[in-house]
Amino acid sequence: EMGEASQDEEGLQTMRVLARNMSFLMKCIHDGKEKYGL
């Protein structure tokens, strides 16, 4: 039902961890492209 996902504590945490990991990857790749290229 609409809104039920807000009750899934593990799922919400999974989304937060995903966003942190994705942010880390993007930043590392950005810096790596500056130094090494693609």
Full PDB file with SEQRES, HELIX, SHEET, SSBOND, CRYST1, ORIGX, SCALE, CONECT and MASTER records, all heavy atoms in Angstrom:
SEQRES   1 A   38  GLU MET GLY GLU ALA SER GLN ASP GLU GLU GLY LEU GLN          
SEQRES   2 A   38  THR MET ARG VAL LEU ALA ARG ASN MET SER PHE LEU MET          
SEQRES   3 A   38  LYS CYS ILE HIS ASP GLY LYS GLU LYS TYR GLY LEU              
HELIX    1 AA1 GLU A    4  GLN A    7  5                                   4    
HELIX    2 AA2 GLU A    9  TYR A   36  1                                  28    
CRYST1    1.000    1.000    1.000  90.00  90.00  90.00 P 1           1          
ORIGX1      1.000000  0.000000  0.000000        0.00000                         
ORIGX2      0.000000  1.000000  0.000000        0.00000                         
ORIGX3      0.000000  0.000000  1.000000        0.00000                         
SCALE1      1.000000  0.000000  0.000000        0.00000                         
SCALE2      0.000000  1.000000  0.000000        0.00000                         
SCALE3      0.000000  0.000000  1.000000        0.00000                         
ATOM      1  N   GLU A   1       0.834  -1.194   0.000  1.00  0.00           N  
ATOM      2  CA  GLU A   1       0.000   0.000   0.000  1.00  0.00           C  
ATOM      3  C   GLU A   1       0.872   1.249   0.000  1.00  0.00           C  
ATOM      4  O   GLU A   1       2.003   1.245   0.494  1.00  0.00           O  
ATOM      5  CB  GLU A   1      -0.925   0.006   1.220  1.00  0.00           C  
ATOM      6  CG  GLU A   1      -1.883  -1.182   1.285  1.00  0.00           C  
ATOM      7  CD  GLU A   1      -2.829  -1.251   0.112  1.00  0.00           C  
ATOM      8  OE1 GLU A   1      -3.154  -0.171  -0.443  1.00  0.00           O  
ATOM      9  OE2 GLU A   1      -3.242  -2.365  -0.269  1.00  0.00           O  
ATOM     10  N   MET A   2       0.348   2.325  -0.552  1.00  0.00           N  
ATOM     11  CA  MET A   2       1.112   3.555  -0.659  1.00  0.00           C  
ATOM     12  C   MET A   2       1.601   4.019   0.720  1.00  0.00           C  
ATOM     13  O   MET A   2       0.817   4.142   1.655  1.00  0.00           O  
ATOM     14  CB  MET A   2       0.264   4.646  -1.307  1.00  0.00           C  
ATOM     15  CG  MET A   2       1.050   5.875  -1.733  1.00  0.00           C  
ATOM     16  SD  MET A   2       0.055   7.056  -2.674  1.00  0.00           S  
ATOM     17  CE  MET A   2      -0.322   6.094  -4.136  1.00  0.00           C  
ATOM     18  N   GLY A   3       2.904   4.219   0.828  1.00  0.00           N  
ATOM     19  CA  GLY A   3       3.501   4.693   2.077  1.00  0.00           C  
ATOM     20  C   GLY A   3       4.075   3.600   2.956  1.00  0.00           C  
ATOM     21  O   GLY A   3       4.810   3.903   3.909  1.00  0.00           O  
ATOM     22  N   GLU A   4       3.769   2.343   2.661  1.00  0.00           N  
ATOM     23  CA  GLU A   4       4.241   1.257   3.530  1.00  0.00           C  
ATOM     24  C   GLU A   4       5.754   1.120   3.537  1.00  0.00           C  
ATOM     25  O   GLU A   4       6.334   0.639   4.517  1.00  0.00           O  
ATOM     26  CB  GLU A   4       3.598  -0.070   3.118  1.00  0.00           C  
ATOM     27  CG  GLU A   4       2.178  -0.243   3.589  1.00  0.00           C  
ATOM     28  CD  GLU A   4       1.612  -1.627   3.282  1.00  0.00           C  
ATOM     29  OE1 GLU A   4       2.226  -2.374   2.490  1.00  0.00           O  
ATOM     30  OE2 GLU A   4       0.554  -1.936   3.841  1.00  0.00           O  
ATOM     31  N   ALA A   5       6.422   1.520   2.466  1.00  0.00           N  
ATOM     32  CA  ALA A   5       7.882   1.387   2.409  1.00  0.00           C  
ATOM     33  C   ALA A   5       8.568   2.182   3.516  1.00  0.00           C  
ATOM     34  O   ALA A   5       9.684   1.841   3.930  1.00  0.00           O  
ATOM     35  CB  ALA A   5       8.398   1.832   1.047  1.00  0.00           C  
ATOM     36  N   SER A   6       7.913   3.206   4.007  1.00  0.00           N  
ATOM     37  CA  SER A   6       8.502   4.011   5.081  1.00  0.00           C  
ATOM     38  C   SER A   6       8.611   3.234   6.387  1.00  0.00           C  
ATOM     39  O   SER A   6       9.301   3.660   7.315  1.00  0.00           O  
ATOM     40  CB  SER A   6       7.674   5.280   5.294  1.00  0.00           C  
ATOM     41  OG  SER A   6       6.352   4.965   5.696  1.00  0.00           O  
ATOM     42  N   GLN A   7       7.939   2.070   6.465  1.00  0.00           N  
ATOM     43  CA  GLN A   7       8.010   1.234   7.660  1.00  0.00           C  
ATOM     44  C   GLN A   7       9.123   0.182   7.577  1.00  0.00           C  
ATOM     45  O   GLN A   7       9.404  -0.501   8.560  1.00  0.00           O  
ATOM     46  CB  GLN A   7       6.670   0.525   7.878  1.00  0.00           C  
ATOM     47  CG  GLN A   7       5.490   1.462   8.037  1.00  0.00           C  
ATOM     48  CD  GLN A   7       4.176   0.712   8.089  1.00  0.00           C  
ATOM     49  OE1 GLN A   7       4.055  -0.304   8.778  1.00  0.00           O  
ATOM     50  NE2 GLN A   7       3.188   1.192   7.357  1.00  0.00           N  
ATOM     51  N   ASP A   8       9.718   0.035   6.404  1.00  0.00           N  
ATOM     52  CA  ASP A   8      10.776  -0.964   6.206  1.00  0.00           C  
ATOM     53  C   ASP A   8      12.113  -0.346   6.598  1.00  0.00           C  
ATOM     54  O   ASP A   8      12.806   0.250   5.773  1.00  0.00           O  
ATOM     55  CB  ASP A   8      10.789  -1.428   4.751  1.00  0.00           C  
ATOM     56  CG  ASP A   8      11.826  -2.513   4.485  1.00  0.00           C  
ATOM     57  OD1 ASP A   8      12.523  -2.933   5.435  1.00  0.00           O  
ATOM     58  OD2 ASP A   8      11.937  -2.943   3.318  1.00  0.00           O  
ATOM     59  N   GLU A   9      12.484  -0.493   7.860  1.00  0.00           N  
ATOM     60  CA  GLU A   9      13.698   0.154   8.369  1.00  0.00           C  
ATOM     61  C   GLU A   9      14.956  -0.351   7.666  1.00  0.00           C  
ATOM     62  O   GLU A   9      15.857   0.424   7.339  1.00  0.00           O  
ATOM     63  CB  GLU A   9      13.809  -0.054   9.876  1.00  0.00           C  
ATOM     64  CG  GLU A   9      12.722   0.654  10.671  1.00  0.00           C  
ATOM     65  CD  GLU A   9      12.907   0.510  12.175  1.00  0.00           C  
ATOM     66  OE1 GLU A   9      14.005   0.060  12.598  1.00  0.00           O  
ATOM     67  OE2 GLU A   9      11.976   0.833  12.919  1.00  0.00           O  
ATOM     68  N   GLU A  10      15.009  -1.671   7.443  1.00  0.00           N  
ATOM     69  CA  GLU A  10      16.181  -2.215   6.752  1.00  0.00           C  
ATOM     70  C   GLU A  10      16.241  -1.722   5.316  1.00  0.00           C  
ATOM     71  O   GLU A  10      17.315  -1.388   4.798  1.00  0.00           O  
ATOM     72  CB  GLU A  10      16.173  -3.742   6.776  1.00  0.00           C  
ATOM     73  CG  GLU A  10      17.401  -4.347   6.118  1.00  0.00           C  
ATOM     74  CD  GLU A  10      17.410  -5.867   6.130  1.00  0.00           C  
ATOM     75  OE1 GLU A  10      16.616  -6.473   6.876  1.00  0.00           O  
ATOM     76  OE2 GLU A  10      18.232  -6.448   5.400  1.00  0.00           O  
ATOM     77  N   GLY A  11      15.092  -1.680   4.663  1.00  0.00           N  
ATOM     78  CA  GLY A  11      15.057  -1.208   3.281  1.00  0.00           C  
ATOM     79  C   GLY A  11      15.509   0.236   3.157  1.00  0.00           C  
ATOM     80  O   GLY A  11      16.273   0.595   2.249  1.00  0.00           O  
ATOM     81  N   LEU A  12      15.044   1.097   4.072  1.00  0.00           N  
ATOM     82  CA  LEU A  12      15.454   2.493   4.055  1.00  0.00           C  
ATOM     83  C   LEU A  12      16.955   2.624   4.292  1.00  0.00           C  
ATOM     84  O   LEU A  12      17.643   3.422   3.635  1.00  0.00           O  
ATOM     85  CB  LEU A  12      14.687   3.283   5.117  1.00  0.00           C  
ATOM     86  CG  LEU A  12      13.184   3.461   4.879  1.00  0.00           C  
ATOM     87  CD1 LEU A  12      12.522   4.072   6.112  1.00  0.00           C  
ATOM     88  CD2 LEU A  12      12.922   4.330   3.650  1.00  0.00           C  
ATOM     89  N   GLN A  13      17.471   1.818   5.216  1.00  0.00           N  
ATOM     90  CA  GLN A  13      18.913   1.836   5.469  1.00  0.00           C  
ATOM     91  C   GLN A  13      19.681   1.364   4.241  1.00  0.00           C  
ATOM     92  O   GLN A  13      20.728   1.928   3.897  1.00  0.00           O  
ATOM     93  CB  GLN A  13      19.252   0.953   6.667  1.00  0.00           C  
ATOM     94  CG  GLN A  13      20.717   1.022   7.071  1.00  0.00           C  
ATOM     95  CD  GLN A  13      21.022   0.117   8.258  1.00  0.00           C  
ATOM     96  OE1 GLN A  13      20.858  -1.092   8.180  1.00  0.00           O  
ATOM     97  NE2 GLN A  13      21.455   0.726   9.362  1.00  0.00           N  
ATOM     98  N   THR A  14      19.151   0.360   3.568  1.00  0.00           N  
ATOM     99  CA  THR A  14      19.786  -0.131   2.334  1.00  0.00           C  
ATOM    100  C   THR A  14      19.877   0.979   1.297  1.00  0.00           C  
ATOM    101  O   THR A  14      20.889   1.110   0.592  1.00  0.00           O  
ATOM    102  CB  THR A  14      18.997  -1.327   1.777  1.00  0.00           C  
ATOM    103  OG1 THR A  14      19.025  -2.400   2.731  1.00  0.00           O  
ATOM    104  CG2 THR A  14      19.588  -1.814   0.460  1.00  0.00           C  
ATOM    105  N   MET A  15      18.840   1.799   1.182  1.00  0.00           N  
ATOM    106  CA  MET A  15      18.861   2.917   0.239  1.00  0.00           C  
ATOM    107  C   MET A  15      19.907   3.957   0.633  1.00  0.00           C  
ATOM    108  O   MET A  15      20.603   4.512  -0.224  1.00  0.00           O  
ATOM    109  CB  MET A  15      17.486   3.574   0.170  1.00  0.00           C  
ATOM    110  CG  MET A  15      16.385   2.713  -0.427  1.00  0.00           C  
ATOM    111  SD  MET A  15      16.726   2.208  -2.133  1.00  0.00           S  
ATOM    112  CE  MET A  15      16.925   0.429  -1.923  1.00  0.00           C  
ATOM    113  N   ARG A  16      20.037   4.220   1.922  1.00  0.00           N  
ATOM    114  CA  ARG A  16      21.033   5.203   2.378  1.00  0.00           C  
ATOM    115  C   ARG A  16      22.458   4.702   2.124  1.00  0.00           C  
ATOM    116  O   ARG A  16      23.321   5.467   1.663  1.00  0.00           O  
ATOM    117  CB  ARG A  16      20.832   5.510   3.867  1.00  0.00           C  
ATOM    118  CG  ARG A  16      19.520   6.224   4.180  1.00  0.00           C  
ATOM    119  CD  ARG A  16      19.514   6.789   5.592  1.00  0.00           C  
ATOM    120  NE  ARG A  16      19.646   5.757   6.626  1.00  0.00           N  
ATOM    121  CZ  ARG A  16      18.626   5.115   7.191  1.00  0.00           C  
ATOM    122  NH1 ARG A  16      17.384   5.362   6.794  1.00  0.00           N  
ATOM    123  NH2 ARG A  16      18.830   4.212   8.146  1.00  0.00           N  
ATOM    124  N   VAL A  17      22.697   3.437   2.434  1.00  0.00           N  
ATOM    125  CA  VAL A  17      24.024   2.859   2.184  1.00  0.00           C  
ATOM    126  C   VAL A  17      24.327   2.864   0.692  1.00  0.00           C  
ATOM    127  O   VAL A  17      25.450   3.169   0.269  1.00  0.00           O  
ATOM    128  CB  VAL A  17      24.109   1.431   2.762  1.00  0.00           C  
ATOM    129  CG1 VAL A  17      25.413   0.757   2.352  1.00  0.00           C  
ATOM    130  CG2 VAL A  17      23.981   1.454   4.279  1.00  0.00           C  
ATOM    131  N   LEU A  18      23.327   2.546  -0.108  1.00  0.00           N  
ATOM    132  CA  LEU A  18      23.502   2.561  -1.563  1.00  0.00           C  
ATOM    133  C   LEU A  18      23.917   3.955  -2.041  1.00  0.00           C  
ATOM    134  O   LEU A  18      24.834   4.095  -2.858  1.00  0.00           O  
ATOM    135  CB  LEU A  18      22.194   2.135  -2.237  1.00  0.00           C  
ATOM    136  CG  LEU A  18      22.138   2.266  -3.758  1.00  0.00           C  
ATOM    137  CD1 LEU A  18      23.200   1.410  -4.429  1.00  0.00           C  
ATOM    138  CD2 LEU A  18      20.748   1.885  -4.266  1.00  0.00           C  
ATOM    139  N   ALA A  19      23.246   4.975  -1.547  1.00  0.00           N  
ATOM    140  CA  ALA A  19      23.559   6.341  -1.978  1.00  0.00           C  
ATOM    141  C   ALA A  19      24.967   6.748  -1.540  1.00  0.00           C  
ATOM    142  O   ALA A  19      25.681   7.435  -2.285  1.00  0.00           O  
ATOM    143  CB  ALA A  19      22.527   7.311  -1.426  1.00  0.00           C  
ATOM    144  N   ARG A  20      25.373   6.332  -0.330  1.00  0.00           N  
ATOM    145  CA  ARG A  20      26.734   6.645   0.117  1.00  0.00           C  
ATOM    146  C   ARG A  20      27.774   5.935  -0.747  1.00  0.00           C  
ATOM    147  O   ARG A  20      28.786   6.526  -1.139  1.00  0.00           O  
ATOM    148  CB  ARG A  20      26.912   6.242   1.583  1.00  0.00           C  
ATOM    149  CG  ARG A  20      26.145   7.114   2.567  1.00  0.00           C  
ATOM    150  CD  ARG A  20      26.541   6.843   4.007  1.00  0.00           C  
ATOM    151  NE  ARG A  20      25.655   7.532   4.926  1.00  0.00           N  
ATOM    152  CZ  ARG A  20      24.621   6.955   5.543  1.00  0.00           C  
ATOM    153  NH1 ARG A  20      24.375   5.663   5.369  1.00  0.00           N  
ATOM    154  NH2 ARG A  20      23.845   7.664   6.347  1.00  0.00           N  
ATOM    155  N   ASN A  21      27.527   4.654  -1.024  1.00  0.00           N  
ATOM    156  CA  ASN A  21      28.471   3.901  -1.857  1.00  0.00           C  
ATOM    157  C   ASN A  21      28.534   4.471  -3.267  1.00  0.00           C  
ATOM    158  O   ASN A  21      29.613   4.561  -3.867  1.00  0.00           O  
ATOM    159  CB  ASN A  21      28.060   2.427  -1.905  1.00  0.00           C  
ATOM    160  CG  ASN A  21      28.285   1.710  -0.592  1.00  0.00           C  
ATOM    161  OD1 ASN A  21      28.909   2.247   0.321  1.00  0.00           O  
ATOM    162  ND2 ASN A  21      27.767   0.495  -0.473  1.00  0.00           N  
ATOM    163  N   MET A  22      27.385   4.862  -3.785  1.00  0.00           N  
ATOM    164  CA  MET A  22      27.349   5.433  -5.131  1.00  0.00           C  
ATOM    165  C   MET A  22      28.084   6.770  -5.163  1.00  0.00           C  
ATOM    166  O   MET A  22      28.832   7.055  -6.114  1.00  0.00           O  
ATOM    167  CB  MET A  22      25.896   5.605  -5.576  1.00  0.00           C  
ATOM    168  CG  MET A  22      25.738   6.037  -7.016  1.00  0.00           C  
ATOM    169  SD  MET A  22      23.991   6.050  -7.511  1.00  0.00           S  
ATOM    170  CE  MET A  22      24.186   6.446  -9.254  1.00  0.00           C  
ATOM    171  N   SER A  23      27.895   7.582  -4.134  1.00  0.00           N  
ATOM    172  CA  SER A  23      28.588   8.866  -4.050  1.00  0.00           C  
ATOM    173  C   SER A  23      30.101   8.659  -4.022  1.00  0.00           C  
ATOM    174  O   SER A  23      30.861   9.370  -4.710  1.00  0.00           O  
ATOM    175  CB  SER A  23      28.148   9.622  -2.794  1.00  0.00           C  
ATOM    176  OG  SER A  23      26.764   9.903  -2.821  1.00  0.00           O  
ATOM    177  N   PHE A  24      30.538   7.692  -3.228  1.00  0.00           N  
ATOM    178  CA  PHE A  24      31.968   7.387  -3.134  1.00  0.00           C  
ATOM    179  C   PHE A  24      32.523   6.965  -4.490  1.00  0.00           C  
ATOM    180  O   PHE A  24      33.581   7.434  -4.926  1.00  0.00           O  
ATOM    181  CB  PHE A  24      32.193   6.284  -2.101  1.00  0.00           C  
ATOM    182  CG  PHE A  24      33.623   5.856  -1.949  1.00  0.00           C  
ATOM    183  CD1 PHE A  24      34.504   6.575  -1.154  1.00  0.00           C  
ATOM    184  CD2 PHE A  24      34.098   4.730  -2.594  1.00  0.00           C  
ATOM    185  CE1 PHE A  24      35.821   6.183  -1.010  1.00  0.00           C  
ATOM    186  CE2 PHE A  24      35.412   4.324  -2.463  1.00  0.00           C  
ATOM    187  CZ  PHE A  24      36.285   5.057  -1.670  1.00  0.00           C  
ATOM    188  N   LEU A  25      31.795   6.082  -5.181  1.00  0.00           N  
ATOM    189  CA  LEU A  25      32.240   5.619  -6.494  1.00  0.00           C  
ATOM    190  C   LEU A  25      32.354   6.764  -7.489  1.00  0.00           C  
ATOM    191  O   LEU A  25      33.337   6.876  -8.233  1.00  0.00           O  
ATOM    192  CB  LEU A  25      31.260   4.574  -7.030  1.00  0.00           C  
ATOM    193  CG  LEU A  25      31.564   3.098  -6.821  1.00  0.00           C  
ATOM    194  CD1 LEU A  25      30.437   2.254  -7.389  1.00  0.00           C  
ATOM    195  CD2 LEU A  25      32.888   2.726  -7.466  1.00  0.00           C  
ATOM    196  N   MET A  26      31.337   7.610  -7.524  1.00  0.00           N  
ATOM    197  CA  MET A  26      31.350   8.724  -8.478  1.00  0.00           C  
ATOM    198  C   MET A  26      32.504   9.673  -8.203  1.00  0.00           C  
ATOM    199  O   MET A  26      33.164  10.152  -9.135  1.00  0.00           O  
ATOM    200  CB  MET A  26      30.019   9.467  -8.438  1.00  0.00           C  
ATOM    201  CG  MET A  26      28.879   8.698  -9.068  1.00  0.00           C  
ATOM    202  SD  MET A  26      27.367   9.685  -9.241  1.00  0.00           S  
ATOM    203  CE  MET A  26      26.978   9.979  -7.521  1.00  0.00           C  
ATOM    204  N   LYS A  27      32.763   9.942  -6.933  1.00  0.00           N  
ATOM    205  CA  LYS A  27      33.856  10.841  -6.598  1.00  0.00           C  
ATOM    206  C   LYS A  27      35.214  10.221  -6.954  1.00  0.00           C  
ATOM    207  O   LYS A  27      36.103  10.911  -7.482  1.00  0.00           O  
ATOM    208  CB  LYS A  27      33.807  11.188  -5.104  1.00  0.00           C  
ATOM    209  CG  LYS A  27      32.626  12.077  -4.729  1.00  0.00           C  
ATOM    210  CD  LYS A  27      32.546  12.299  -3.229  1.00  0.00           C  
ATOM    211  CE  LYS A  27      31.356  13.167  -2.865  1.00  0.00           C  
ATOM    212  NZ  LYS A  27      31.223  13.372  -1.396  1.00  0.00           N  
ATOM    213  N   CYS A  28      35.368   8.939  -6.683  1.00  0.00           N  
ATOM    214  CA  CYS A  28      36.623   8.258  -7.022  1.00  0.00           C  
ATOM    215  C   CYS A  28      36.846   8.224  -8.532  1.00  0.00           C  
ATOM    216  O   CYS A  28      37.967   8.445  -9.012  1.00  0.00           O  
ATOM    217  CB  CYS A  28      36.621   6.842  -6.462  1.00  0.00           C  
ATOM    218  SG  CYS A  28      36.772   6.746  -4.666  1.00  0.00           S  
ATOM    219  N   ILE A  29      35.782   7.943  -9.256  1.00  0.00           N  
ATOM    220  CA  ILE A  29      35.902   7.901 -10.715  1.00  0.00           C  
ATOM    221  C   ILE A  29      36.195   9.286 -11.272  1.00  0.00           C  
ATOM    222  O   ILE A  29      37.012   9.441 -12.189  1.00  0.00           O  
ATOM    223  CB  ILE A  29      34.619   7.306 -11.333  1.00  0.00           C  
ATOM    224  CG1 ILE A  29      34.545   5.804 -11.016  1.00  0.00           C  
ATOM    225  CG2 ILE A  29      34.573   7.534 -12.843  1.00  0.00           C  
ATOM    226  CD1 ILE A  29      33.223   5.165 -11.359  1.00  0.00           C  
ATOM    227  N   HIS A  30      35.554  10.295 -10.708  1.00  0.00           N  
ATOM    228  CA  HIS A  30      35.832  11.672 -11.146  1.00  0.00           C  
ATOM    229  C   HIS A  30      37.302  12.014 -10.959  1.00  0.00           C  
ATOM    230  O   HIS A  30      37.964  12.540 -11.871  1.00  0.00           O  
ATOM    231  CB  HIS A  30      34.946  12.644 -10.361  1.00  0.00           C  
ATOM    232  CG  HIS A  30      35.212  14.088 -10.683  1.00  0.00           C  
ATOM    233  ND1 HIS A  30      36.142  14.841  -9.990  1.00  0.00           N  
ATOM    234  CD2 HIS A  30      34.674  14.913 -11.624  1.00  0.00           C  
ATOM    235  CE1 HIS A  30      36.175  16.062 -10.485  1.00  0.00           C  
ATOM    236  NE2 HIS A  30      35.294  16.132 -11.465  1.00  0.00           N  
ATOM    237  N   ASP A  31      37.850  11.710  -9.780  1.00  0.00           N  
ATOM    238  CA  ASP A  31      39.263  11.998  -9.514  1.00  0.00           C  
ATOM    239  C   ASP A  31      40.174  11.130 -10.369  1.00  0.00           C  
ATOM    240  O   ASP A  31      41.220  11.586 -10.847  1.00  0.00           O  
ATOM    241  CB  ASP A  31      39.569  11.779  -8.029  1.00  0.00           C  
ATOM    242  CG  ASP A  31      38.908  12.819  -7.132  1.00  0.00           C  
ATOM    243  OD1 ASP A  31      38.399  13.829  -7.663  1.00  0.00           O  
ATOM    244  OD2 ASP A  31      38.887  12.614  -5.901  1.00  0.00           O  
ATOM    245  N   GLY A  32      39.772   9.871 -10.563  1.00  0.00           N  
ATOM    246  CA  GLY A  32      40.577   8.975 -11.386  1.00  0.00           C  
ATOM    247  C   GLY A  32      40.644   9.414 -12.840  1.00  0.00           C  
ATOM    248  O   GLY A  32      41.694   9.308 -13.494  1.00  0.00           O  
ATOM    249  N   LYS A  33      39.535   9.928 -13.357  1.00  0.00           N  
ATOM    250  CA  LYS A  33      39.517  10.427 -14.737  1.00  0.00           C  
ATOM    251  C   LYS A  33      40.443  11.621 -14.891  1.00  0.00           C  
ATOM    252  O   LYS A  33      41.098  11.788 -15.917  1.00  0.00           O  
ATOM    253  CB  LYS A  33      38.085  10.788 -15.136  1.00  0.00           C  
ATOM    254  CG  LYS A  33      37.223   9.586 -15.480  1.00  0.00           C  
ATOM    255  CD  LYS A  33      35.748   9.919 -15.464  1.00  0.00           C  
ATOM    256  CE  LYS A  33      35.348  10.945 -16.459  1.00  0.00           C  
ATOM    257  NZ  LYS A  33      33.874  11.148 -16.507  1.00  0.00           N  
ATOM    258  N   GLU A  34      40.485  12.452 -13.845  1.00  0.00           N  
ATOM    259  CA  GLU A  34      41.378  13.614 -13.892  1.00  0.00           C  
ATOM    260  C   GLU A  34      42.838  13.173 -13.970  1.00  0.00           C  
ATOM    261  O   GLU A  34      43.644  13.786 -14.673  1.00  0.00           O  
ATOM    262  CB  GLU A  34      41.165  14.473 -12.642  1.00  0.00           C  
ATOM    263  CG  GLU A  34      39.830  15.183 -12.573  1.00  0.00           C  
ATOM    264  CD  GLU A  34      39.741  16.338 -13.545  1.00  0.00           C  
ATOM    265  OE1 GLU A  34      40.745  17.056 -13.706  1.00  0.00           O  
ATOM    266  OE2 GLU A  34      38.666  16.518 -14.154  1.00  0.00           O  
ATOM    267  N   LYS A  35      43.162  12.094 -13.259  1.00  0.00           N  
ATOM    268  CA  LYS A  35      44.564  11.665 -13.176  1.00  0.00           C  
ATOM    269  C   LYS A  35      44.939  10.676 -14.276  1.00  0.00           C  
ATOM    270  O   LYS A  35      46.047  10.744 -14.824  1.00  0.00           O  
ATOM    271  CB  LYS A  35      44.821  11.031 -11.805  1.00  0.00           C  
ATOM    272  CG  LYS A  35      46.272  10.679 -11.547  1.00  0.00           C  
ATOM    273  CD  LYS A  35      46.509  10.238 -10.114  1.00  0.00           C  
ATOM    274  CE  LYS A  35      47.973   9.959  -9.846  1.00  0.00           C  
ATOM    275  NZ  LYS A  35      48.227   9.528  -8.442  1.00  0.00           N  
ATOM    276  N   TYR A  36      44.004   9.739 -14.573  1.00  0.00           N  
ATOM    277  CA  TYR A  36      44.365   8.644 -15.475  1.00  0.00           C  
ATOM    278  C   TYR A  36      43.586   8.647 -16.793  1.00  0.00           C  
ATOM    279  O   TYR A  36      43.953   7.929 -17.724  1.00  0.00           O  
ATOM    280  CB  TYR A  36      44.119   7.292 -14.786  1.00  0.00           C  
ATOM    281  CG  TYR A  36      44.877   7.121 -13.498  1.00  0.00           C  
ATOM    282  CD1 TYR A  36      44.217   7.123 -12.267  1.00  0.00           C  
ATOM    283  CD2 TYR A  36      46.261   6.958 -13.495  1.00  0.00           C  
ATOM    284  CE1 TYR A  36      44.912   6.964 -11.080  1.00  0.00           C  
ATOM    285  CE2 TYR A  36      46.960   6.798 -12.309  1.00  0.00           C  
ATOM    286  CZ  TYR A  36      46.282   6.806 -11.101  1.00  0.00           C  
ATOM    287  OH  TYR A  36      46.968   6.653  -9.924  1.00  0.00           O  
ATOM    288  N   GLY A  37      42.494   9.397 -16.855  1.00  0.00           N  
ATOM    289  CA  GLY A  37      41.640   9.327 -18.034  1.00  0.00           C  
ATOM    290  C   GLY A  37      40.757   8.097 -17.977  1.00  0.00           C  
ATOM    291  O   GLY A  37      40.736   7.359 -16.985  1.00  0.00           O  
ATOM    292  N   LEU A  38      40.020   7.847 -19.047  1.00  0.00           N  
ATOM    293  CA  LEU A  38      39.157   6.676 -19.127  1.00  0.00           C  
ATOM    294  C   LEU A  38      39.947   5.468 -19.625  1.00  0.00           C  
ATOM    295  O   LEU A  38      41.003   5.623 -20.255  1.00  0.00           O  
ATOM    296  CB  LEU A  38      37.988   6.951 -20.065  1.00  0.00           C  
ATOM    297  CG  LEU A  38      36.913   7.911 -19.549  1.00  0.00           C  
ATOM    298  CD1 LEU A  38      35.930   8.256 -20.664  1.00  0.00           C  
ATOM    299  CD2 LEU A  38      36.184   7.322 -18.353  1.00  0.00           C  
TER     300      LEU A  38                                                      
MASTER        0    0    0    2    0    0    0    6  299    1    0    3          
END                                                                             
